[in-house]
Structure formats: C-alpha cells, structure tokens
Amino acid sequence: MGRMQCKGKGKGISSTVTPFKRRSPRWVSHTPKTIVDLIVTMAKKGLSPSQIGVAIRDKEAVPSIKLLTGQKIVRLLKKNGNSLYNVGCAPEIPEDIYCLIKKAVNIRRHL
C-alpha cells in the first residue's frame, strides 16, 4: 500500500542496462567498408540517418554501426561527400530539429 501512495518514490533504482562493449560481435559478417557504402547509398536515396540505422539493423543484422565502424551515421555521411562545397550526404539541419519544425508546420496548418 505504501508504494501506491508515494507517487514514484520507493521503487528503487535498479533497471536493465545494455552491456558495455568496445567492439562489434563476432557473428557480424560485414566489414566497416561495406557498411559505409550501404549508408552512403541509402542516404543518396533520401533516407534519414535514423531510417538508415533501422534498415541496416533489420536487413543486414548489424546491431550497432558505431561499434563496427567507430563513428556515428551522421559523421560517416559528413565524411563521405563527393563535392567540395557540399558537406557530404549528411542533412543540412539535424534530424531532431527538422522533425520539430515539421511538427510545428503541421500544427500551424491545422489551426
């Protein structure tokens, strides 16, 4: 009964935590070069970095791109640009800010 009345307190701090790993699992058959090529081709098709991560996780069975390549998806996209003036294949504004702007536009349109 005491736990029901205390509004969130008294539940303890134990929870599940992902294990600390420094390298990718042994069962991953991809090399960092093939993953970078996949990321760049998906970005050129128009997928966002989060969509790229989900697609590679589900289709290619790579649990973490950062563990395999050593860099995050956005940094890989910035690094692998083709022209001098473009910042690679990375989006111009961060994805979370883009989603907030998109949501604000939809709310304005609704009102």
PDB file of N, CA and C in Angstrom:
ATOM      1  N   MET A   1       0.810  -1.192   0.000  1.00  0.00           N
ATOM      2  CA  MET A   1       0.000   0.000   0.000  1.00  0.00           C
ATOM      3  C   MET A   1       0.852   1.253   0.000  1.00  0.00           C
ATOM      4  N   GLY A   2       1.979   1.207   0.699  1.00  0.00           N
ATOM      5  CA  GLY A   2       2.815   2.387   0.788  1.00  0.00           C
ATOM      6  C   GLY A   2       3.363   2.816  -0.565  1.00  0.00           C
ATOM      7  N   ARG A   3       3.637   1.855  -1.428  1.00  0.00           N
ATOM      8  CA  ARG A   3       4.182   2.181  -2.734  1.00  0.00           C
ATOM      9  C   ARG A   3       3.152   2.849  -3.632  1.00  0.00           C
ATOM     10  N   MET A   4       1.891   2.560  -3.443  1.00  0.00           N
ATOM     11  CA  MET A   4       0.857   3.165  -4.265  1.00  0.00           C
ATOM     12  C   MET A   4       0.668   4.639  -3.929  1.00  0.00           C
ATOM     13  N   GLN A   5       0.944   5.039  -2.698  1.00  0.00           N
ATOM     14  CA  GLN A   5       0.657   6.396  -2.247  1.00  0.00           C
ATOM     15  C   GLN A   5       1.850   7.344  -2.388  1.00  0.00           C
ATOM     16  N   CYS A   6       2.998   6.855  -2.776  1.00  0.00           N
ATOM     17  CA  CYS A   6       4.192   7.691  -2.703  1.00  0.00           C
ATOM     18  C   CYS A   6       4.554   8.380  -4.014  1.00  0.00           C
ATOM     19  N   LYS A   7       3.790   8.246  -5.075  1.00  0.00           N
ATOM     20  CA  LYS A   7       3.953   8.957  -6.348  1.00  0.00           C
ATOM     21  C   LYS A   7       5.363   8.813  -6.939  1.00  0.00           C
ATOM     22  N   GLY A   8       5.759   7.636  -7.216  1.00  0.00           N
ATOM     23  CA  GLY A   8       7.008   7.409  -7.922  1.00  0.00           C
ATOM     24  C   GLY A   8       8.201   7.132  -7.046  1.00  0.00           C
ATOM     25  N   LYS A   9       8.133   7.437  -5.782  1.00  0.00           N
ATOM     26  CA  LYS A   9       9.265   7.186  -4.903  1.00  0.00           C
ATOM     27  C   LYS A   9       9.131   5.796  -4.291  1.00  0.00           C
ATOM     28  N   GLY A  10      10.216   5.230  -3.880  1.00  0.00           N
ATOM     29  CA  GLY A  10      10.194   3.938  -3.244  1.00  0.00           C
ATOM     30  C   GLY A  10      10.257   2.782  -4.224  1.00  0.00           C
ATOM     31  N   LYS A  11      10.523   3.074  -5.513  1.00  0.00           N
ATOM     32  CA  LYS A  11      10.576   1.998  -6.493  1.00  0.00           C
ATOM     33  C   LYS A  11      11.994   1.489  -6.721  1.00  0.00           C
ATOM     34  N   GLY A  12      12.963   2.156  -6.144  1.00  0.00           N
ATOM     35  CA  GLY A  12      14.340   1.713  -6.315  1.00  0.00           C
ATOM     36  C   GLY A  12      14.944   2.256  -7.596  1.00  0.00           C
ATOM     37  N   ILE A  13      16.231   1.984  -7.798  1.00  0.00           N
ATOM     38  CA  ILE A  13      16.916   2.499  -8.969  1.00  0.00           C
ATOM     39  C   ILE A  13      17.410   1.389  -9.886  1.00  0.00           C
ATOM     40  N   SER A  14      17.077   0.159  -9.581  1.00  0.00           N
ATOM     41  CA  SER A  14      17.559  -0.934 -10.410  1.00  0.00           C
ATOM     42  C   SER A  14      16.806  -0.957 -11.733  1.00  0.00           C
ATOM     43  N   SER A  15      17.531  -1.205 -12.788  1.00  0.00           N
ATOM     44  CA  SER A  15      16.932  -1.315 -14.122  1.00  0.00           C
ATOM     45  C   SER A  15      17.905  -2.077 -15.016  1.00  0.00           C
ATOM     46  N   THR A  16      17.467  -2.432 -16.198  1.00  0.00           N
ATOM     47  CA  THR A  16      18.336  -3.138 -17.119  1.00  0.00           C
ATOM     48  C   THR A  16      19.228  -2.142 -17.834  1.00  0.00           C
ATOM     49  N   VAL A  17      20.457  -2.517 -18.059  1.00  0.00           N
ATOM     50  CA  VAL A  17      21.437  -1.668 -18.720  1.00  0.00           C
ATOM     51  C   VAL A  17      22.101  -2.496 -19.806  1.00  0.00           C
ATOM     52  N   THR A  18      22.290  -1.891 -20.985  1.00  0.00           N
ATOM     53  CA  THR A  18      22.991  -2.617 -22.039  1.00  0.00           C
ATOM     54  C   THR A  18      24.451  -2.802 -21.641  1.00  0.00           C
ATOM     55  N   PRO A  19      25.025  -3.940 -21.932  1.00  0.00           N
ATOM     56  CA  PRO A  19      26.407  -4.196 -21.532  1.00  0.00           C
ATOM     57  C   PRO A  19      27.389  -3.278 -22.261  1.00  0.00           C
ATOM     58  N   PHE A  20      28.453  -2.927 -21.585  1.00  0.00           N
ATOM     59  CA  PHE A  20      29.482  -2.067 -22.157  1.00  0.00           C
ATOM     60  C   PHE A  20      30.372  -2.898 -23.074  1.00  0.00           C
ATOM     61  N   LYS A  21      30.352  -2.575 -24.349  1.00  0.00           N
ATOM     62  CA  LYS A  21      31.159  -3.307 -25.325  1.00  0.00           C
ATOM     63  C   LYS A  21      31.981  -2.311 -26.122  1.00  0.00           C
ATOM     64  N   ARG A  22      33.145  -2.730 -26.511  1.00  0.00           N
ATOM     65  CA  ARG A  22      34.013  -1.851 -27.288  1.00  0.00           C
ATOM     66  C   ARG A  22      34.133  -2.272 -28.742  1.00  0.00           C
ATOM     67  N   ARG A  23      33.730  -3.467 -29.064  1.00  0.00           N
ATOM     68  CA  ARG A  23      33.803  -3.913 -30.457  1.00  0.00           C
ATOM     69  C   ARG A  23      32.547  -4.675 -30.833  1.00  0.00           C
ATOM     70  N   SER A  24      32.382  -4.844 -32.091  1.00  0.00           N
ATOM     71  CA  SER A  24      31.171  -5.485 -32.585  1.00  0.00           C
ATOM     72  C   SER A  24      31.221  -6.991 -32.337  1.00  0.00           C
ATOM     73  N   PRO A  25      30.077  -7.658 -32.259  1.00  0.00           N
ATOM     74  CA  PRO A  25      30.064  -9.103 -32.002  1.00  0.00           C
ATOM     75  C   PRO A  25      30.757  -9.904 -33.108  1.00  0.00           C
ATOM     76  N   ARG A  26      31.190 -11.098 -32.765  1.00  0.00           N
ATOM     77  CA  ARG A  26      31.913 -11.940 -33.722  1.00  0.00           C
ATOM     78  C   ARG A  26      31.039 -12.432 -34.862  1.00  0.00           C
ATOM     79  N   TRP A  27      29.718 -12.518 -34.632  1.00  0.00           N
ATOM     80  CA  TRP A  27      28.839 -13.082 -35.652  1.00  0.00           C
ATOM     81  C   TRP A  27      28.486 -12.100 -36.751  1.00  0.00           C
ATOM     82  N   VAL A  28      28.914 -10.841 -36.649  1.00  0.00           N
ATOM     83  CA  VAL A  28      28.651  -9.866 -37.709  1.00  0.00           C
ATOM     84  C   VAL A  28      29.628 -10.124 -38.845  1.00  0.00           C
ATOM     85  N   SER A  29      29.075 -10.340 -40.048  1.00  0.00           N
ATOM     86  CA  SER A  29      29.925 -10.715 -41.178  1.00  0.00           C
ATOM     87  C   SER A  29      30.324  -9.535 -42.054  1.00  0.00           C
ATOM     88  N   HIS A  30      29.821  -8.346 -41.784  1.00  0.00           N
ATOM     89  CA  HIS A  30      30.121  -7.177 -42.607  1.00  0.00           C
ATOM     90  C   HIS A  30      31.408  -6.498 -42.160  1.00  0.00           C
ATOM     91  N   THR A  31      32.068  -5.857 -43.127  1.00  0.00           N
ATOM     92  CA  THR A  31      33.240  -5.056 -42.820  1.00  0.00           C
ATOM     93  C   THR A  31      32.815  -3.590 -42.723  1.00  0.00           C
ATOM     94  N   PRO A  32      33.611  -2.760 -42.078  1.00  0.00           N
ATOM     95  CA  PRO A  32      33.252  -1.337 -41.994  1.00  0.00           C
ATOM     96  C   PRO A  32      33.096  -0.685 -43.366  1.00  0.00           C
ATOM     97  N   LYS A  33      33.888  -1.090 -44.336  1.00  0.00           N
ATOM     98  CA  LYS A  33      33.814  -0.505 -45.685  1.00  0.00           C
ATOM     99  C   LYS A  33      32.465  -0.801 -46.340  1.00  0.00           C
ATOM    100  N   THR A  34      31.978  -2.030 -46.210  1.00  0.00           N
ATOM    101  CA  THR A  34      30.688  -2.355 -46.823  1.00  0.00           C
ATOM    102  C   THR A  34      29.548  -1.619 -46.144  1.00  0.00           C
ATOM    103  N   ILE A  35      29.637  -1.446 -44.836  1.00  0.00           N
ATOM    104  CA  ILE A  35      28.590  -0.719 -44.107  1.00  0.00           C
ATOM    105  C   ILE A  35      28.594   0.751 -44.509  1.00  0.00           C
ATOM    106  N   VAL A  36      29.772   1.355 -44.659  1.00  0.00           N
ATOM    107  CA  VAL A  36      29.847   2.762 -45.070  1.00  0.00           C
ATOM    108  C   VAL A  36      29.253   2.930 -46.468  1.00  0.00           C
ATOM    109  N   ASP A  37      29.543   1.998 -47.356  1.00  0.00           N
ATOM    110  CA  ASP A  37      28.973   2.061 -48.705  1.00  0.00           C
ATOM    111  C   ASP A  37      27.452   1.945 -48.671  1.00  0.00           C
ATOM    112  N   LEU A  38      26.935   1.059 -47.831  1.00  0.00           N
ATOM    113  CA  LEU A  38      25.484   0.923 -47.672  1.00  0.00           C
ATOM    114  C   LEU A  38      24.858   2.212 -47.138  1.00  0.00           C
ATOM    115  N   ILE A  39      25.505   2.818 -46.156  1.00  0.00           N
ATOM    116  CA  ILE A  39      24.989   4.050 -45.561  1.00  0.00           C
ATOM    117  C   ILE A  39      24.936   5.163 -46.597  1.00  0.00           C
ATOM    118  N   VAL A  40      25.979   5.305 -47.387  1.00  0.00           N
ATOM    119  CA  VAL A  40      26.031   6.368 -48.394  1.00  0.00           C
ATOM    120  C   VAL A  40      24.979   6.139 -49.474  1.00  0.00           C
ATOM    121  N   THR A  41      24.805   4.902 -49.921  1.00  0.00           N
ATOM    122  CA  THR A  41      23.795   4.650 -50.954  1.00  0.00           C
ATOM    123  C   THR A  41      22.387   4.886 -50.425  1.00  0.00           C
ATOM    124  N   MET A  42      22.128   4.520 -49.174  1.00  0.00           N
ATOM    125  CA  MET A  42      20.803   4.772 -48.602  1.00  0.00           C
ATOM    126  C   MET A  42      20.551   6.267 -48.423  1.00  0.00           C
ATOM    127  N   ALA A  43      21.593   7.016 -48.063  1.00  0.00           N
ATOM    128  CA  ALA A  43      21.435   8.468 -47.897  1.00  0.00           C
ATOM    129  C   ALA A  43      21.167   9.137 -49.235  1.00  0.00           C
ATOM    130  N   LYS A  44      21.789   8.642 -50.289  1.00  0.00           N
ATOM    131  CA  LYS A  44      21.546   9.216 -51.616  1.00  0.00           C
ATOM    132  C   LYS A  44      20.148   8.904 -52.118  1.00  0.00           C
ATOM    133  N   LYS A  45      19.546   7.824 -51.608  1.00  0.00           N
ATOM    134  CA  LYS A  45      18.159   7.505 -51.955  1.00  0.00           C
ATOM    135  C   LYS A  45      17.171   8.411 -51.225  1.00  0.00           C
ATOM    136  N   GLY A  46      17.642   9.103 -50.167  1.00  0.00           N
ATOM    137  CA  GLY A  46      16.785  10.039 -49.458  1.00  0.00           C
ATOM    138  C   GLY A  46      16.367   9.607 -48.067  1.00  0.00           C
ATOM    139  N   LEU A  47      16.962   8.556 -47.532  1.00  0.00           N
ATOM    140  CA  LEU A  47      16.614   8.107 -46.185  1.00  0.00           C
ATOM    141  C   LEU A  47      17.319   8.964 -45.137  1.00  0.00           C
ATOM    142  N   SER A  48      16.653   9.172 -44.010  1.00  0.00           N
ATOM    143  CA  SER A  48      17.246   9.930 -42.906  1.00  0.00           C
ATOM    144  C   SER A  48      18.202   9.009 -42.128  1.00  0.00           C
ATOM    145  N   PRO A  49      19.096   9.594 -41.310  1.00  0.00           N
ATOM    146  CA  PRO A  49      20.031   8.756 -40.555  1.00  0.00           C
ATOM    147  C   PRO A  49      19.361   7.723 -39.653  1.00  0.00           C
ATOM    148  N   SER A  50      18.237   8.074 -39.034  1.00  0.00           N
ATOM    149  CA  SER A  50      17.574   7.085 -38.172  1.00  0.00           C
ATOM    150  C   SER A  50      16.955   5.964 -39.010  1.00  0.00           C
ATOM    151  N   GLN A  51      16.428   6.297 -40.180  1.00  0.00           N
ATOM    152  CA  GLN A  51      15.880   5.258 -41.059  1.00  0.00           C
ATOM    153  C   GLN A  51      16.987   4.350 -41.574  1.00  0.00           C
ATOM    154  N   ILE A  52      18.153   4.923 -41.837  1.00  0.00           N
ATOM    155  CA  ILE A  52      19.298   4.126 -42.282  1.00  0.00           C
ATOM    156  C   ILE A  52      19.708   3.141 -41.184  1.00  0.00           C
ATOM    157  N   GLY A  53      19.768   3.617 -39.944  1.00  0.00           N
ATOM    158  CA  GLY A  53      20.155   2.749 -38.829  1.00  0.00           C
ATOM    159  C   GLY A  53      19.189   1.606 -38.629  1.00  0.00           C
ATOM    160  N   VAL A  54      17.889   1.898 -38.730  1.00  0.00           N
ATOM    161  CA  VAL A  54      16.878   0.844 -38.557  1.00  0.00           C
ATOM    162  C   VAL A  54      16.963  -0.168 -39.698  1.00  0.00           C
ATOM    163  N   ALA A  55      17.143   0.322 -40.924  1.00  0.00           N
ATOM    164  CA  ALA A  55      17.217  -0.583 -42.078  1.00  0.00           C
ATOM    165  C   ALA A  55      18.432  -1.497 -41.989  1.00  0.00           C
ATOM    166  N   ILE A  56      19.570  -0.958 -41.613  1.00  0.00           N
ATOM    167  CA  ILE A  56      20.779  -1.786 -41.510  1.00  0.00           C
ATOM    168  C   ILE A  56      20.650  -2.769 -40.354  1.00  0.00           C
ATOM    169  N   ARG A  57      20.045  -2.328 -39.252  1.00  0.00           N
ATOM    170  CA  ARG A  57      19.845  -3.239 -38.119  1.00  0.00           C
ATOM    171  C   ARG A  57      18.935  -4.398 -38.504  1.00  0.00           C
ATOM    172  N   ASP A  58      17.849  -4.115 -39.224  1.00  0.00           N
ATOM    173  CA  ASP A  58      16.872  -5.153 -39.529  1.00  0.00           C
ATOM    174  C   ASP A  58      17.264  -6.022 -40.720  1.00  0.00           C
ATOM    175  N   LYS A  59      17.773  -5.414 -41.780  1.00  0.00           N
ATOM    176  CA  LYS A  59      18.059  -6.170 -43.006  1.00  0.00           C
ATOM    177  C   LYS A  59      19.447  -6.793 -43.024  1.00  0.00           C
ATOM    178  N   GLU A  60      20.436  -6.074 -42.509  1.00  0.00           N
ATOM    179  CA  GLU A  60      21.814  -6.556 -42.601  1.00  0.00           C
ATOM    180  C   GLU A  60      22.314  -7.204 -41.307  1.00  0.00           C
ATOM    181  N   ALA A  61      21.505  -7.196 -40.247  1.00  0.00           N
ATOM    182  CA  ALA A  61      21.837  -7.824 -38.961  1.00  0.00           C
ATOM    183  C   ALA A  61      23.114  -7.246 -38.352  1.00  0.00           C
ATOM    184  N   VAL A  62      23.197  -5.910 -38.327  1.00  0.00           N
ATOM    185  CA  VAL A  62      24.305  -5.233 -37.673  1.00  0.00           C
ATOM    186  C   VAL A  62      23.730  -4.535 -36.444  1.00  0.00           C
ATOM    187  N   PRO A  63      24.071  -4.976 -35.237  1.00  0.00           N
ATOM    188  CA  PRO A  63      23.444  -4.413 -34.047  1.00  0.00           C
ATOM    189  C   PRO A  63      23.820  -2.961 -33.775  1.00  0.00           C
ATOM    190  N   SER A  64      25.062  -2.578 -34.043  1.00  0.00           N
ATOM    191  CA  SER A  64      25.495  -1.212 -33.780  1.00  0.00           C
ATOM    192  C   SER A  64      26.502  -0.785 -34.842  1.00  0.00           C
ATOM    193  N   ILE A  65      26.169   0.279 -35.544  1.00  0.00           N
ATOM    194  CA  ILE A  65      27.071   0.784 -36.577  1.00  0.00           C
ATOM    195  C   ILE A  65      28.285   1.442 -35.939  1.00  0.00           C
ATOM    196  N   LYS A  66      28.073   2.089 -34.795  1.00  0.00           N
ATOM    197  CA  LYS A  66      29.179   2.753 -34.124  1.00  0.00           C
ATOM    198  C   LYS A  66      30.227   1.759 -33.648  1.00  0.00           C
ATOM    199  N   LEU A  67      29.798   0.588 -33.161  1.00  0.00           N
ATOM    200  CA  LEU A  67      30.765  -0.415 -32.728  1.00  0.00           C
ATOM    201  C   LEU A  67      31.547  -0.989 -33.900  1.00  0.00           C
ATOM    202  N   LEU A  68      30.905  -1.099 -35.058  1.00  0.00           N
ATOM    203  CA  LEU A  68      31.563  -1.703 -36.214  1.00  0.00           C
ATOM    204  C   LEU A  68      32.502  -0.720 -36.904  1.00  0.00           C
ATOM    205  N   THR A  69      32.045   0.519 -37.119  1.00  0.00           N
ATOM    206  CA  THR A  69      32.838   1.491 -37.873  1.00  0.00           C
ATOM    207  C   THR A  69      33.638   2.435 -36.998  1.00  0.00           C
ATOM    208  N   GLY A  70      33.205   2.622 -35.755  1.00  0.00           N
ATOM    209  CA  GLY A  70      33.893   3.559 -34.882  1.00  0.00           C
ATOM    210  C   GLY A  70      33.337   4.967 -34.938  1.00  0.00           C
ATOM    211  N   GLN A  71      32.340   5.204 -35.800  1.00  0.00           N
ATOM    212  CA  GLN A  71      31.733   6.531 -35.936  1.00  0.00           C
ATOM    213  C   GLN A  71      30.236   6.401 -36.069  1.00  0.00           C
ATOM    214  N   LYS A  72      29.537   7.493 -35.759  1.00  0.00           N
ATOM    215  CA  LYS A  72      28.091   7.504 -35.914  1.00  0.00           C
ATOM    216  C   LYS A  72      27.719   7.724 -37.374  1.00  0.00           C
ATOM    217  N   ILE A  73      26.446   7.513 -37.692  1.00  0.00           N
ATOM    218  CA  ILE A  73      25.984   7.582 -39.081  1.00  0.00           C
ATOM    219  C   ILE A  73      26.155   8.983 -39.656  1.00  0.00           C
ATOM    220  N   VAL A  74      25.796  10.008 -38.901  1.00  0.00           N
ATOM    221  CA  VAL A  74      25.882  11.374 -39.420  1.00  0.00           C
ATOM    222  C   VAL A  74      27.331  11.759 -39.705  1.00  0.00           C
ATOM    223  N   ARG A  75      28.247  11.351 -38.833  1.00  0.00           N
ATOM    224  CA  ARG A  75      29.661  11.654 -39.077  1.00  0.00           C
ATOM    225  C   ARG A  75      30.188  10.922 -40.307  1.00  0.00           C
ATOM    226  N   LEU A  76      29.728   9.697 -40.510  1.00  0.00           N
ATOM    227  CA  LEU A  76      30.131   8.967 -41.717  1.00  0.00           C
ATOM    228  C   LEU A  76      29.601   9.655 -42.968  1.00  0.00           C
ATOM    229  N   LEU A  77      28.378  10.185 -42.890  1.00  0.00           N
ATOM    230  CA  LEU A  77      27.803  10.872 -44.034  1.00  0.00           C
ATOM    231  C   LEU A  77      28.525  12.180 -44.319  1.00  0.00           C
ATOM    232  N   LYS A  78      28.908  12.902 -43.276  1.00  0.00           N
ATOM    233  CA  LYS A  78      29.652  14.149 -43.475  1.00  0.00           C
ATOM    234  C   LYS A  78      31.016  13.884 -44.085  1.00  0.00           C
ATOM    235  N   LYS A  79      31.630  12.785 -43.666  1.00  0.00           N
ATOM    236  CA  LYS A  79      32.979  12.441 -44.121  1.00  0.00           C
ATOM    237  C   LYS A  79      32.997  11.971 -45.575  1.00  0.00           C
ATOM    238  N   ASN A  80      31.940  11.327 -46.027  1.00  0.00           N
ATOM    239  CA  ASN A  80      31.929  10.698 -47.348  1.00  0.00           C
ATOM    240  C   ASN A  80      31.177  11.532 -48.378  1.00  0.00           C
ATOM    241  N   GLY A  81      31.535  12.804 -48.498  1.00  0.00           N
ATOM    242  CA  GLY A  81      30.922  13.661 -49.502  1.00  0.00           C
ATOM    243  C   GLY A  81      31.676  13.588 -50.810  1.00  0.00           C
ATOM    244  N   ASN A  82      30.999  13.929 -51.896  1.00  0.00           N
ATOM    245  CA  ASN A  82      31.636  13.859 -53.203  1.00  0.00           C
ATOM    246  C   ASN A  82      32.178  15.208 -53.665  1.00  0.00           C
ATOM    247  N   SER A  83      31.515  16.300 -53.308  1.00  0.00           N
ATOM    248  CA  SER A  83      31.951  17.602 -53.786  1.00  0.00           C
ATOM    249  C   SER A  83      32.599  18.400 -52.658  1.00  0.00           C
ATOM    250  N   LEU A  84      33.317  19.457 -53.035  1.00  0.00           N
ATOM    251  CA  LEU A  84      33.986  20.294 -52.054  1.00  0.00           C
ATOM    252  C   LEU A  84      33.006  21.221 -51.347  1.00  0.00           C
ATOM    253  N   TYR A  85      31.952  21.631 -52.031  1.00  0.00           N
ATOM    254  CA  TYR A  85      31.024  22.597 -51.464  1.00  0.00           C
ATOM    255  C   TYR A  85      29.941  21.952 -50.625  1.00  0.00           C
ATOM    256  N   ASN A  86      29.630  20.712 -50.886  1.00  0.00           N
ATOM    257  CA  ASN A  86      28.606  20.001 -50.135  1.00  0.00           C
ATOM    258  C   ASN A  86      29.242  19.372 -48.901  1.00  0.00           C
ATOM    259  N   VAL A  87      28.477  19.239 -47.818  1.00  0.00           N
ATOM    260  CA  VAL A  87      29.000  18.639 -46.595  1.00  0.00           C
ATOM    261  C   VAL A  87      28.744  17.144 -46.638  1.00  0.00           C
ATOM    262  N   GLY A  88      29.013  16.522 -47.737  1.00  0.00           N
ATOM    263  CA  GLY A  88      28.767  15.100 -47.864  1.00  0.00           C
ATOM    264  C   GLY A  88      27.303  14.814 -48.120  1.00  0.00           C
ATOM    265  N   CYS A  89      26.849  13.675 -47.665  1.00  0.00           N
ATOM    266  CA  CYS A  89      25.456  13.264 -47.833  1.00  0.00           C
ATOM    267  C   CYS A  89      24.629  13.585 -46.607  1.00  0.00           C
ATOM    268  N   ALA A  90      25.231  14.206 -45.605  1.00  0.00           N
ATOM    269  CA  ALA A  90      24.539  14.487 -44.346  1.00  0.00           C
ATOM    270  C   ALA A  90      23.455  15.539 -44.558  1.00  0.00           C
ATOM    271  N   PRO A  91      22.393  15.479 -43.771  1.00  0.00           N
ATOM    272  CA  PRO A  91      21.356  16.506 -43.884  1.00  0.00           C
ATOM    273  C   PRO A  91      21.888  17.865 -43.450  1.00  0.00           C
ATOM    274  N   GLU A  92      21.286  18.937 -44.007  1.00  0.00           N
ATOM    275  CA  GLU A  92      21.766  20.287 -43.704  1.00  0.00           C
ATOM    276  C   GLU A  92      21.479  20.678 -42.259  1.00  0.00           C
ATOM    277  N   ILE A  93      20.290  20.314 -41.762  1.00  0.00           N
ATOM    278  CA  ILE A  93      19.962  20.597 -40.362  1.00  0.00           C
ATOM    279  C   ILE A  93      19.810  19.255 -39.642  1.00  0.00           C
ATOM    280  N   PRO A  94      20.055  19.225 -38.329  1.00  0.00           N
ATOM    281  CA  PRO A  94      19.920  17.964 -37.584  1.00  0.00           C
ATOM    282  C   PRO A  94      18.503  17.409 -37.669  1.00  0.00           C
ATOM    283  N   GLU A  95      18.419  16.096 -37.595  1.00  0.00           N
ATOM    284  CA  GLU A  95      17.140  15.407 -37.808  1.00  0.00           C
ATOM    285  C   GLU A  95      16.107  15.741 -36.735  1.00  0.00           C
ATOM    286  N   ASP A  96      16.541  15.895 -35.488  1.00  0.00           N
ATOM    287  CA  ASP A  96      15.576  16.189 -34.434  1.00  0.00           C
ATOM    288  C   ASP A  96      14.984  17.586 -34.593  1.00  0.00           C
ATOM    289  N   ILE A  97      15.805  18.556 -35.015  1.00  0.00           N
ATOM    290  CA  ILE A  97      15.284  19.903 -35.265  1.00  0.00           C
ATOM    291  C   ILE A  97      14.357  19.901 -36.476  1.00  0.00           C
ATOM    292  N   TYR A  98      14.705  19.122 -37.490  1.00  0.00           N
ATOM    293  CA  TYR A  98      13.848  19.010 -38.673  1.00  0.00           C
ATOM    294  C   TYR A  98      12.474  18.460 -38.297  1.00  0.00           C
ATOM    295  N   CYS A  99      12.435  17.459 -37.427  1.00  0.00           N
ATOM    296  CA  CYS A  99      11.155  16.880 -37.009  1.00  0.00           C
ATOM    297  C   CYS A  99      10.338  17.880 -36.202  1.00  0.00           C
ATOM    298  N   LEU A 100      11.006  18.687 -35.356  1.00  0.00           N
ATOM    299  CA  LEU A 100      10.290  19.707 -34.599  1.00  0.00           C
ATOM    300  C   LEU A 100       9.703  20.776 -35.517  1.00  0.00           C
ATOM    301  N   ILE A 101      10.455  21.188 -36.524  1.00  0.00           N
ATOM    302  CA  ILE A 101       9.957  22.183 -37.485  1.00  0.00           C
ATOM    303  C   ILE A 101       8.773  21.615 -38.260  1.00  0.00           C
ATOM    304  N   LYS A 102       8.899  20.371 -38.662  1.00  0.00           N
ATOM    305  CA  LYS A 102       7.823  19.716 -39.406  1.00  0.00           C
ATOM    306  C   LYS A 102       6.552  19.634 -38.566  1.00  0.00           C
ATOM    307  N   LYS A 103       6.714  19.306 -37.276  1.00  0.00           N
ATOM    308  CA  LYS A 103       5.565  19.223 -36.376  1.00  0.00           C
ATOM    309  C   LYS A 103       4.925  20.598 -36.184  1.00  0.00           C
ATOM    310  N   ALA A 104       5.741  21.645 -36.053  1.00  0.00           N
ATOM    311  CA  ALA A 104       5.210  23.000 -35.890  1.00  0.00           C
ATOM    312  C   ALA A 104       4.443  23.443 -37.129  1.00  0.00           C
ATOM    313  N   VAL A 105       4.943  23.108 -38.292  1.00  0.00           N
ATOM    314  CA  VAL A 105       4.251  23.454 -39.547  1.00  0.00           C
ATOM    315  C   VAL A 105       2.912  22.738 -39.623  1.00  0.00           C
ATOM    316  N   ASN A 106       2.880  21.476 -39.233  1.00  0.00           N
ATOM    317  CA  ASN A 106       1.617  20.726 -39.270  1.00  0.00           C
ATOM    318  C   ASN A 106       0.604  21.284 -38.273  1.00  0.00           C
ATOM    319  N   ILE A 107       1.069  21.725 -37.101  1.00  0.00           N
ATOM    320  CA  ILE A 107       0.157  22.316 -36.113  1.00  0.00           C
ATOM    321  C   ILE A 107      -0.392  23.640 -36.632  1.00  0.00           C
ATOM    322  N   ARG A 108       0.477  24.460 -37.242  1.00  0.00           N
ATOM    323  CA  ARG A 108       0.021  25.735 -37.811  1.00  0.00           C
ATOM    324  C   ARG A 108      -1.008  25.506 -38.912  1.00  0.00           C
ATOM    325  N   ARG A 109      -0.769  24.504 -39.722  1.00  0.00           N
ATOM    326  CA  ARG A 109      -1.698  24.196 -40.806  1.00  0.00           C
ATOM    327  C   ARG A 109      -3.040  23.736 -40.245  1.00  0.00           C
ATOM    328  N   HIS A 110      -2.988  23.022 -39.134  1.00  0.00           N
ATOM    329  CA  HIS A 110      -4.216  22.520 -38.515  1.00  0.00           C
ATOM    330  C   HIS A 110      -5.042  23.649 -37.917  1.00  0.00           C
ATOM    331  N   LEU A 111      -4.358  24.629 -37.343  1.00  0.00           N
ATOM    332  CA  LEU A 111      -5.071  25.759 -36.710  1.00  0.00           C
ATOM    333  C   LEU A 111      -5.500  26.699 -37.778  1.00  0.00           C
TER     334      LEU A 111
END
